[in-house]
C-alpha atoms as a PDB file:
ATOM      1  CA  UNK A   1       0.201  -0.151   0.376  1.00  0.00           C
ATOM      2  CA  UNK A   2       1.066   3.610  -0.527  1.00  0.00           C
ATOM      3  CA  UNK A   3       0.791   6.334   2.429  1.00  0.00           C
ATOM      4  CA  UNK A   4      -0.582   9.470   0.636  1.00  0.00           C
ATOM      5  CA  UNK A   5      -0.933  12.636   2.227  1.00  0.00           C
ATOM      6  CA  UNK A   6      -5.296  12.496   2.783  1.00  0.00           C
ATOM      7  CA  UNK A   7      -6.035   8.407   2.556  1.00  0.00           C
ATOM      8  CA  UNK A   8      -7.752   6.852   6.200  1.00  0.00           C
ATOM      9  CA  UNK A   9      -6.070   3.870   7.578  1.00  0.00           C
ATOM     10  CA  UNK A  10      -6.462   1.822   9.902  1.00  0.00           C
ATOM     11  CA  UNK A  11      -3.844   0.413  12.327  1.00  0.00           C
ATOM     12  CA  UNK A  12      -3.603  -3.663  12.312  1.00  0.00           C
ATOM     13  CA  UNK A  13      -2.099  -3.432  15.872  1.00  0.00           C
ATOM     14  CA  UNK A  14      -4.071  -1.036  17.509  1.00  0.00           C
ATOM     15  CA  UNK A  15      -7.414  -1.537  16.004  1.00  0.00           C
ATOM     16  CA  UNK A  16      -8.710   0.668  19.419  1.00  0.00           C
ATOM     17  CA  UNK A  17      -7.066   3.998  17.719  1.00  0.00           C
ATOM     18  CA  UNK A  18      -9.955   4.003  14.896  1.00  0.00           C
ATOM     19  CA  UNK A  19      -9.243   4.803  11.777  1.00  0.00           C
ATOM     20  CA  UNK A  20      -6.868   8.234  11.133  1.00  0.00           C
ATOM     21  CA  UNK A  21      -6.430  10.243   7.757  1.00  0.00           C
ATOM     22  CA  UNK A  22      -3.155  10.516   6.741  1.00  0.00           C
ATOM     23  CA  UNK A  23      -1.605  14.582   7.632  1.00  0.00           C
ATOM     24  CA  UNK A  24       1.915  14.776   6.235  1.00  0.00           C
ATOM     25  CA  UNK A  25       4.218  11.499   4.565  1.00  0.00           C
ATOM     26  CA  UNK A  26       8.212  11.788   4.239  1.00  0.00           C
ATOM     27  CA  UNK A  27      10.539   9.559   3.715  1.00  0.00           C
ATOM     28  CA  UNK A  28      10.549   8.672   7.281  1.00  0.00           C
ATOM     29  CA  UNK A  29       7.196   8.834   8.980  1.00  0.00           C
ATOM     30  CA  UNK A  30       3.794   9.573   8.014  1.00  0.00           C
ATOM     31  CA  UNK A  31       1.949  11.928  10.752  1.00  0.00           C
ATOM     32  CA  UNK A  32      -1.355   9.971  11.068  1.00  0.00           C
ATOM     33  CA  UNK A  33      -4.700  11.986  13.029  1.00  0.00           C
ATOM     34  CA  UNK A  34      -6.859   9.069  14.524  1.00  0.00           C
ATOM     35  CA  UNK A  35     -10.517   8.945  15.755  1.00  0.00           C
ATOM     36  CA  UNK A  36      -9.206   8.882  19.463  1.00  0.00           C
ATOM     37  CA  UNK A  37      -7.576  12.404  19.158  1.00  0.00           C
ATOM     38  CA  UNK A  38      -4.353  11.443  19.158  1.00  0.00           C
ATOM     39  CA  UNK A  39      -1.680  12.210  16.523  1.00  0.00           C
ATOM     40  CA  UNK A  40       0.661   9.690  15.880  1.00  0.00           C
ATOM     41  CA  UNK A  41       3.733   9.313  14.015  1.00  0.00           C
ATOM     42  CA  UNK A  42       4.421   5.889  12.660  1.00  0.00           C
ATOM     43  CA  UNK A  43       8.038   4.695  11.014  1.00  0.00           C
ATOM     44  CA  UNK A  44       7.781   4.260   6.937  1.00  0.00           C
ATOM     45  CA  UNK A  45       9.425   0.219   8.670  1.00  0.00           C
ATOM     46  CA  UNK A  46       5.495   0.185  10.037  1.00  0.00           C
ATOM     47  CA  UNK A  47       3.925   1.610   7.101  1.00  0.00           C
ATOM     48  CA  UNK A  48       2.492  -2.553   6.139  1.00  0.00           C
ATOM     49  CA  UNK A  49       0.459  -2.470   9.223  1.00  0.00           C
ATOM     50  CA  UNK A  50      -1.281   0.436   7.944  1.00  0.00           C
ATOM     51  CA  UNK A  51      -4.484  -0.634   6.081  1.00  0.00           C
ATOM     52  CA  UNK A  52      -6.946   0.695   3.526  1.00  0.00           C
ATOM     53  CA  UNK A  53     -10.107   2.152   5.268  1.00  0.00           C
ATOM     54  CA  UNK A  54     -13.221   3.564   4.331  1.00  0.00           C
ATOM     55  CA  UNK A  55     -12.858   7.109   3.973  1.00  0.00           C
ATOM     56  CA  UNK A  56     -16.865   7.448   5.430  1.00  0.00           C
ATOM     57  CA  UNK A  57     -15.347   5.531   8.410  1.00  0.00           C
ATOM     58  CA  UNK A  58     -12.800   8.362   9.825  1.00  0.00           C
ATOM     59  CA  UNK A  59     -14.546  10.260  12.784  1.00  0.00           C
ATOM     60  CA  UNK A  60     -12.716  13.941  13.257  1.00  0.00           C
ATOM     61  CA  UNK A  61     -11.832  14.046  16.896  1.00  0.00           C
ATOM     62  CA  UNK A  62     -14.506  16.859  18.472  1.00  0.00           C
ATOM     63  CA  UNK A  63     -13.246  19.906  17.651  1.00  0.00           C
ATOM     64  CA  UNK A  64     -12.729  21.736  20.900  1.00  0.00           C
ATOM     65  CA  UNK A  65     -10.428  24.193  22.826  1.00  0.00           C
ATOM     66  CA  UNK A  66      -8.032  22.211  24.089  1.00  0.00           C
ATOM     67  CA  UNK A  67      -7.881  23.746  27.514  1.00  0.00           C
ATOM     68  CA  UNK A  68      -4.774  24.745  29.010  1.00  0.00           C
ATOM     69  CA  UNK A  69      -2.510  23.373  31.624  1.00  0.00           C
ATOM     70  CA  UNK A  70      -2.092  25.460  34.301  1.00  0.00           C
ATOM     71  CA  UNK A  71       0.658  24.856  37.219  1.00  0.00           C
ATOM     72  CA  UNK A  72       1.100  26.013  40.047  1.00  0.00           C
ATOM     73  CA  UNK A  73       3.863  27.992  40.651  1.00  0.00           C
ATOM     74  CA  UNK A  74       6.129  27.372  43.245  1.00  0.00           C
ATOM     75  CA  UNK A  75       6.917  29.051  45.982  1.00  0.00           C
ATOM     76  CA  UNK A  76       9.948  31.240  46.255  1.00  0.00           C
ATOM     77  CA  UNK A  77      11.760  31.367  49.386  1.00  0.00           C
ATOM     78  CA  UNK A  78      13.417  35.349  50.383  1.00  0.00           C
ATOM     79  CA  UNK A  79      16.804  34.253  51.335  1.00  0.00           C
ATOM     80  CA  UNK A  80      17.449  36.409  54.520  1.00  0.00           C
ATOM     81  CA  UNK A  81      21.449  37.254  55.366  1.00  0.00           C
ATOM     82  CA  UNK A  82      22.265  36.900  58.845  1.00  0.00           C
ATOM     83  CA  UNK A  83      23.065  40.383  60.325  1.00  0.00           C
ATOM     84  CA  UNK A  84      26.234  41.536  60.555  1.00  0.00           C
ATOM     85  CA  UNK A  85      27.675  42.717  64.309  1.00  0.00           C
END
């Protein structure tokens, strides 16, 4: 199977990912957005595991605004110099 941008594929070893749409391809890897919402990079050596899928079966992940991760900033402790006598 020839992997081209825009085709819909399924991964034989991970059917739980759903079908995926090929977003980008080069000689080393393909970037594929799967129906589970995760974009995965598949090495060209593993292209044989990809199989053609019906384009109608590709369900694009919900178009939602990603929620930014909020990290609590660590409080800085002010260093106090000992008083000189």
